[in-house]
Amino acid sequence: MAWRVGSISTTAVRVLVGLGSNRGASVDIVSRVLEDLREMSVGEFRASSLWRTSPVDCPPGSADFVNAVAAFHADARSPEWLLSRLKAFEGRYGRSMAPIRNAPRELDLDLLLFGDVVRRTQRLTLPHPRALARGFVMTPAAEAAPEWTWPGTGRTIADLARGLMTDETLTRLTEPPGVAVERAG
């Protein structure tokens, strides 16, 4: 499944992917998926810390999430093609589409950014439409890609994260042993 090349190709695009899990061995799942995403990268790959976060817009009694963000260049044909790959990862890790919105799940992958693409289709909205209001996205994103500019804002991810007002609870977790991901700055 690895299609890594030595340098960034002319078709490579910067992508930001949000990872979350609140069912099963969440720390292990998110750590393994970061490695899977590293295999998809061409060139530099950066990952945030793992974060324990309070559930947002989830059914009552939902467990806390483990969240992270990966920032990398992907040799992706289109945002929809990459989204299909991410959905395949979710299925491989046991996610099923529950009839209850935002039910607990082994893995949730969100395509947050695909280069500077701004697009709204039935299947995909870029940038992710709720990312800028969510601490569980922006805090790890600011670790992984602080200098990237968020399309349509003219502001860096770090600047946007600093200005975020949220009542979410976020706790940085230590990386589990054996996780070989580059930590951002």
C-alpha atoms as a PDB file:
ATOM      1  CA  MET A   1       0.000   0.000   0.000  1.00  0.00           C
ATOM      2  CA  ALA A   2       3.002   2.283   0.362  1.00  0.00           C
ATOM      3  CA  TRP A   3       3.607   4.519  -2.613  1.00  0.00           C
ATOM      4  CA  ARG A   4       6.257   6.725  -1.136  1.00  0.00           C
ATOM      5  CA  VAL A   5       8.737   8.465  -3.403  1.00  0.00           C
ATOM      6  CA  GLY A   6      11.988  10.169  -2.589  1.00  0.00           C
ATOM      7  CA  SER A   7      10.938  13.737  -3.290  1.00  0.00           C
ATOM      8  CA  ILE A   8       7.727  15.662  -3.656  1.00  0.00           C
ATOM      9  CA  SER A   9       6.303  15.125  -7.125  1.00  0.00           C
ATOM     10  CA  THR A  10       4.731  17.859  -9.194  1.00  0.00           C
ATOM     11  CA  THR A  11       1.281  16.435  -8.413  1.00  0.00           C
ATOM     12  CA  ALA A  12       1.777  16.368  -4.645  1.00  0.00           C
ATOM     13  CA  VAL A  13      -0.559  18.521  -2.601  1.00  0.00           C
ATOM     14  CA  ARG A  14      -0.477  19.629   1.040  1.00  0.00           C
ATOM     15  CA  VAL A  15      -3.137  17.873   3.073  1.00  0.00           C
ATOM     16  CA  LEU A  16      -4.288  18.115   6.651  1.00  0.00           C
ATOM     17  CA  VAL A  17      -6.113  15.102   8.095  1.00  0.00           C
ATOM     18  CA  GLY A  18      -7.866  14.973  11.464  1.00  0.00           C
ATOM     19  CA  LEU A  19      -7.930  11.670  13.349  1.00  0.00           C
ATOM     20  CA  GLY A  20     -10.226  10.678  16.189  1.00  0.00           C
ATOM     21  CA  SER A  21     -11.264   7.576  18.105  1.00  0.00           C
ATOM     22  CA  ASN A  22     -13.472   7.036  21.145  1.00  0.00           C
ATOM     23  CA  ARG A  23     -14.109   3.309  20.972  1.00  0.00           C
ATOM     24  CA  GLY A  24     -11.692   0.448  21.456  1.00  0.00           C
ATOM     25  CA  ALA A  25      -7.963   0.930  21.973  1.00  0.00           C
ATOM     26  CA  SER A  26      -8.082   4.553  20.830  1.00  0.00           C
ATOM     27  CA  VAL A  27      -4.447   5.478  21.508  1.00  0.00           C
ATOM     28  CA  ASP A  28      -3.217   2.417  19.596  1.00  0.00           C
ATOM     29  CA  ILE A  29      -5.664   2.967  16.735  1.00  0.00           C
ATOM     30  CA  VAL A  30      -4.743   6.628  16.234  1.00  0.00           C
ATOM     31  CA  SER A  31      -1.028   5.795  16.505  1.00  0.00           C
ATOM     32  CA  ARG A  32      -1.299   3.030  13.877  1.00  0.00           C
ATOM     33  CA  VAL A  33      -3.272   5.237  11.516  1.00  0.00           C
ATOM     34  CA  LEU A  34      -0.638   7.968  11.790  1.00  0.00           C
ATOM     35  CA  GLU A  35       1.848   5.367  10.535  1.00  0.00           C
ATOM     36  CA  ASP A  36      -0.547   4.425   7.704  1.00  0.00           C
ATOM     37  CA  LEU A  37      -0.832   8.075   6.702  1.00  0.00           C
ATOM     38  CA  ARG A  38       2.955   8.404   6.815  1.00  0.00           C
ATOM     39  CA  GLU A  39       3.069   5.642   4.199  1.00  0.00           C
ATOM     40  CA  MET A  40       0.805   7.748   1.959  1.00  0.00           C
ATOM     41  CA  SER A  41       3.010  10.808   2.246  1.00  0.00           C
ATOM     42  CA  VAL A  42       5.503  11.991  -0.308  1.00  0.00           C
ATOM     43  CA  GLY A  43       8.103  14.136   1.362  1.00  0.00           C
ATOM     44  CA  GLU A  44       7.759  15.618   4.822  1.00  0.00           C
ATOM     45  CA  PHE A  45       5.222  14.171   7.276  1.00  0.00           C
ATOM     46  CA  ARG A  46       4.356  15.903  10.541  1.00  0.00           C
ATOM     47  CA  ALA A  47       1.993  14.725  13.255  1.00  0.00           C
ATOM     48  CA  SER A  48       0.637  16.410  16.338  1.00  0.00           C
ATOM     49  CA  SER A  49       0.707  14.980  19.814  1.00  0.00           C
ATOM     50  CA  LEU A  50      -2.122  12.681  20.754  1.00  0.00           C
ATOM     51  CA  TRP A  51      -4.811  14.561  22.668  1.00  0.00           C
ATOM     52  CA  ARG A  52      -7.592  13.338  24.941  1.00  0.00           C
ATOM     53  CA  THR A  53     -10.598  15.540  24.222  1.00  0.00           C
ATOM     54  CA  SER A  54     -14.145  15.863  25.418  1.00  0.00           C
ATOM     55  CA  PRO A  55     -16.810  14.678  22.945  1.00  0.00           C
ATOM     56  CA  VAL A  56     -18.444  17.429  20.876  1.00  0.00           C
ATOM     57  CA  ASP A  57     -21.917  17.048  19.331  1.00  0.00           C
ATOM     58  CA  CYS A  58     -22.029  13.379  20.394  1.00  0.00           C
ATOM     59  CA  PRO A  59     -24.801  11.372  22.084  1.00  0.00           C
ATOM     60  CA  PRO A  60     -25.003  11.725  25.897  1.00  0.00           C
ATOM     61  CA  GLY A  61     -22.554   9.495  27.752  1.00  0.00           C
ATOM     62  CA  SER A  62     -20.074   9.312  24.865  1.00  0.00           C
ATOM     63  CA  ALA A  63     -16.501   8.532  25.864  1.00  0.00           C
ATOM     64  CA  ASP A  64     -13.673  11.019  25.457  1.00  0.00           C
ATOM     65  CA  PHE A  65     -11.817  10.984  22.151  1.00  0.00           C
ATOM     66  CA  VAL A  66      -8.172  10.559  21.313  1.00  0.00           C
ATOM     67  CA  ASN A  67      -7.421  13.073  18.560  1.00  0.00           C
ATOM     68  CA  ALA A  68      -4.445  14.010  16.406  1.00  0.00           C
ATOM     69  CA  VAL A  69      -3.741  15.792  13.137  1.00  0.00           C
ATOM     70  CA  ALA A  70      -1.368  14.764  10.344  1.00  0.00           C
ATOM     71  CA  ALA A  71       0.113  17.312   7.931  1.00  0.00           C
ATOM     72  CA  PHE A  72       1.816  15.968   4.827  1.00  0.00           C
ATOM     73  CA  HIS A  73       2.101  16.062   1.067  1.00  0.00           C
ATOM     74  CA  ALA A  74       0.085  13.445  -0.786  1.00  0.00           C
ATOM     75  CA  ASP A  75       0.227  12.374  -4.396  1.00  0.00           C
ATOM     76  CA  ALA A  76      -3.557  12.496  -4.586  1.00  0.00           C
ATOM     77  CA  ARG A  77      -5.571  12.622  -7.777  1.00  0.00           C
ATOM     78  CA  SER A  78      -8.350  14.707  -6.238  1.00  0.00           C
ATOM     79  CA  PRO A  79      -9.836  15.513  -2.830  1.00  0.00           C
ATOM     80  CA  GLU A  80     -12.575  12.957  -3.469  1.00  0.00           C
ATOM     81  CA  TRP A  81     -10.006  10.286  -4.280  1.00  0.00           C
ATOM     82  CA  LEU A  82      -8.149  10.989  -1.027  1.00  0.00           C
ATOM     83  CA  LEU A  83     -11.422  11.002   0.920  1.00  0.00           C
ATOM     84  CA  SER A  84     -12.166   7.537  -0.496  1.00  0.00           C
ATOM     85  CA  ARG A  85      -8.776   6.334   0.755  1.00  0.00           C
ATOM     86  CA  LEU A  86      -9.492   7.765   4.212  1.00  0.00           C
ATOM     87  CA  LYS A  87     -12.912   6.084   4.318  1.00  0.00           C
ATOM     88  CA  ALA A  88     -11.224   2.786   3.396  1.00  0.00           C
ATOM     89  CA  PHE A  89      -8.900   3.226   6.399  1.00  0.00           C
ATOM     90  CA  GLU A  90     -11.943   3.791   8.620  1.00  0.00           C
ATOM     91  CA  GLY A  91     -13.505   0.559   7.384  1.00  0.00           C
ATOM     92  CA  ARG A  92     -10.288  -1.364   7.891  1.00  0.00           C
ATOM     93  CA  TYR A  93     -10.229  -0.258  11.523  1.00  0.00           C
ATOM     94  CA  GLY A  94     -13.808  -1.378  12.100  1.00  0.00           C
ATOM     95  CA  ARG A  95     -15.856   1.761  11.614  1.00  0.00           C
ATOM     96  CA  SER A  96     -19.391   1.130  10.504  1.00  0.00           C
ATOM     97  CA  MET A  97     -21.850   3.845   9.660  1.00  0.00           C
ATOM     98  CA  ALA A  98     -24.071   3.837  12.744  1.00  0.00           C
ATOM     99  CA  PRO A  99     -27.651   5.063  12.447  1.00  0.00           C
ATOM    100  CA  ILE A 100     -26.971   7.534  15.290  1.00  0.00           C
ATOM    101  CA  ARG A 101     -25.074  10.652  14.230  1.00  0.00           C
ATOM    102  CA  ASN A 102     -21.654  10.937  15.908  1.00  0.00           C
ATOM    103  CA  ALA A 103     -22.016   7.605  17.710  1.00  0.00           C
ATOM    104  CA  PRO A 104     -18.835   6.172  19.299  1.00  0.00           C
ATOM    105  CA  ARG A 105     -16.397   4.955  16.666  1.00  0.00           C
ATOM    106  CA  GLU A 106     -13.083   3.201  16.379  1.00  0.00           C
ATOM    107  CA  LEU A 107     -11.832   5.702  13.840  1.00  0.00           C
ATOM    108  CA  ASP A 108     -12.960   8.970  12.338  1.00  0.00           C
ATOM    109  CA  LEU A 109     -10.810  10.571   9.653  1.00  0.00           C
ATOM    110  CA  ASP A 110     -11.595  14.034   8.346  1.00  0.00           C
ATOM    111  CA  LEU A 111      -9.999  15.655   5.328  1.00  0.00           C
ATOM    112  CA  LEU A 112      -9.501  19.142   6.741  1.00  0.00           C
ATOM    113  CA  LEU A 113      -7.460  20.757   3.951  1.00  0.00           C
ATOM    114  CA  PHE A 114      -6.479  19.749   0.442  1.00  0.00           C
ATOM    115  CA  GLY A 115      -4.015  22.379  -0.729  1.00  0.00           C
ATOM    116  CA  ASP A 116      -5.820  25.679  -1.148  1.00  0.00           C
ATOM    117  CA  VAL A 117      -8.959  24.032  -2.529  1.00  0.00           C
ATOM    118  CA  VAL A 118     -12.231  25.640  -1.501  1.00  0.00           C
ATOM    119  CA  ARG A 119     -15.092  23.424  -2.627  1.00  0.00           C
ATOM    120  CA  ARG A 120     -18.561  22.375  -1.574  1.00  0.00           C
ATOM    121  CA  THR A 121     -20.080  19.236  -3.083  1.00  0.00           C
ATOM    122  CA  GLN A 122     -22.617  16.737  -1.824  1.00  0.00           C
ATOM    123  CA  ARG A 123     -19.817  14.499  -0.592  1.00  0.00           C
ATOM    124  CA  LEU A 124     -17.138  16.920   0.567  1.00  0.00           C
ATOM    125  CA  THR A 125     -16.683  20.491   1.763  1.00  0.00           C
ATOM    126  CA  LEU A 126     -13.188  21.982   1.846  1.00  0.00           C
ATOM    127  CA  PRO A 127     -11.839  23.348   4.018  1.00  0.00           C
ATOM    128  CA  HIS A 128     -13.682  21.238   6.585  1.00  0.00           C
ATOM    129  CA  PRO A 129     -16.727  23.357   7.505  1.00  0.00           C
ATOM    130  CA  ARG A 130     -16.540  22.997  11.308  1.00  0.00           C
ATOM    131  CA  ALA A 131     -12.782  22.770  11.869  1.00  0.00           C
ATOM    132  CA  LEU A 132     -12.222  26.415  12.786  1.00  0.00           C
ATOM    133  CA  ALA A 133     -14.667  26.158  15.706  1.00  0.00           C
ATOM    134  CA  ARG A 134     -13.208  22.989  17.207  1.00  0.00           C
ATOM    135  CA  GLY A 135     -10.368  22.911  19.680  1.00  0.00           C
ATOM    136  CA  PHE A 136      -9.884  19.177  19.128  1.00  0.00           C
ATOM    137  CA  VAL A 137      -8.988  20.006  15.513  1.00  0.00           C
ATOM    138  CA  MET A 138      -7.211  23.341  15.737  1.00  0.00           C
ATOM    139  CA  THR A 139      -4.989  22.636  18.755  1.00  0.00           C
ATOM    140  CA  PRO A 140      -3.348  19.566  17.183  1.00  0.00           C
ATOM    141  CA  ALA A 141      -3.377  21.249  13.748  1.00  0.00           C
ATOM    142  CA  ALA A 142      -1.387  24.141  15.222  1.00  0.00           C
ATOM    143  CA  GLU A 143       1.230  21.630  16.410  1.00  0.00           C
ATOM    144  CA  ALA A 144       1.462  19.819  13.076  1.00  0.00           C
ATOM    145  CA  ALA A 145       1.276  22.744  10.644  1.00  0.00           C
ATOM    146  CA  PRO A 146       1.428  26.056  12.518  1.00  0.00           C
ATOM    147  CA  GLU A 147       2.710  28.052   9.540  1.00  0.00           C
ATOM    148  CA  TRP A 148       0.197  26.790   6.974  1.00  0.00           C
ATOM    149  CA  THR A 149      -2.386  29.349   5.903  1.00  0.00           C
ATOM    150  CA  TRP A 150      -6.032  28.324   6.182  1.00  0.00           C
ATOM    151  CA  PRO A 151      -7.707  28.850   2.780  1.00  0.00           C
ATOM    152  CA  GLY A 152     -10.049  31.815   2.639  1.00  0.00           C
ATOM    153  CA  THR A 153      -8.764  33.421   5.852  1.00  0.00           C
ATOM    154  CA  GLY A 154      -5.263  34.678   5.068  1.00  0.00           C
ATOM    155  CA  ARG A 155      -4.308  33.561   8.605  1.00  0.00           C
ATOM    156  CA  THR A 156      -1.994  30.822   9.805  1.00  0.00           C
ATOM    157  CA  ILE A 157      -3.309  27.776  11.604  1.00  0.00           C
ATOM    158  CA  ALA A 158      -1.353  28.786  14.723  1.00  0.00           C
ATOM    159  CA  ASP A 159      -2.979  32.226  14.721  1.00  0.00           C
ATOM    160  CA  LEU A 160      -6.455  30.761  14.249  1.00  0.00           C
ATOM    161  CA  ALA A 161      -5.898  28.249  17.061  1.00  0.00           C
ATOM    162  CA  ARG A 162      -4.713  30.974  19.457  1.00  0.00           C
ATOM    163  CA  GLY A 163      -7.909  32.935  18.869  1.00  0.00           C
ATOM    164  CA  LEU A 164     -10.260  29.981  19.323  1.00  0.00           C
ATOM    165  CA  MET A 165     -12.797  30.301  22.127  1.00  0.00           C
ATOM    166  CA  THR A 166     -14.139  26.904  23.187  1.00  0.00           C
ATOM    167  CA  ASP A 167     -15.215  25.130  26.347  1.00  0.00           C
ATOM    168  CA  GLU A 168     -13.742  21.815  25.202  1.00  0.00           C
ATOM    169  CA  THR A 169     -11.383  19.958  27.520  1.00  0.00           C
ATOM    170  CA  LEU A 170      -8.101  18.960  25.861  1.00  0.00           C
ATOM    171  CA  THR A 171      -5.303  17.054  27.570  1.00  0.00           C
ATOM    172  CA  ARG A 172      -2.033  16.279  25.806  1.00  0.00           C
ATOM    173  CA  LEU A 173      -1.183  12.590  26.072  1.00  0.00           C
ATOM    174  CA  THR A 174       2.335  11.253  25.927  1.00  0.00           C
ATOM    175  CA  GLU A 175       3.070   9.379  22.742  1.00  0.00           C
ATOM    176  CA  PRO A 176       2.830   5.633  23.193  1.00  0.00           C
ATOM    177  CA  PRO A 177       6.126   3.711  22.995  1.00  0.00           C
ATOM    178  CA  GLY A 178       7.209   2.769  19.510  1.00  0.00           C
ATOM    179  CA  VAL A 179       5.309   5.452  17.622  1.00  0.00           C
ATOM    180  CA  ALA A 180       7.696   6.718  14.985  1.00  0.00           C
ATOM    181  CA  VAL A 181       6.194   9.985  13.839  1.00  0.00           C
ATOM    182  CA  GLU A 182       8.031  13.276  13.552  1.00  0.00           C
ATOM    183  CA  ARG A 183       6.719  15.780  16.053  1.00  0.00           C
ATOM    184  CA  ALA A 184       6.228  19.253  14.709  1.00  0.00           C
ATOM    185  CA  GLY A 185       8.425  22.079  16.009  1.00  0.00           C
END
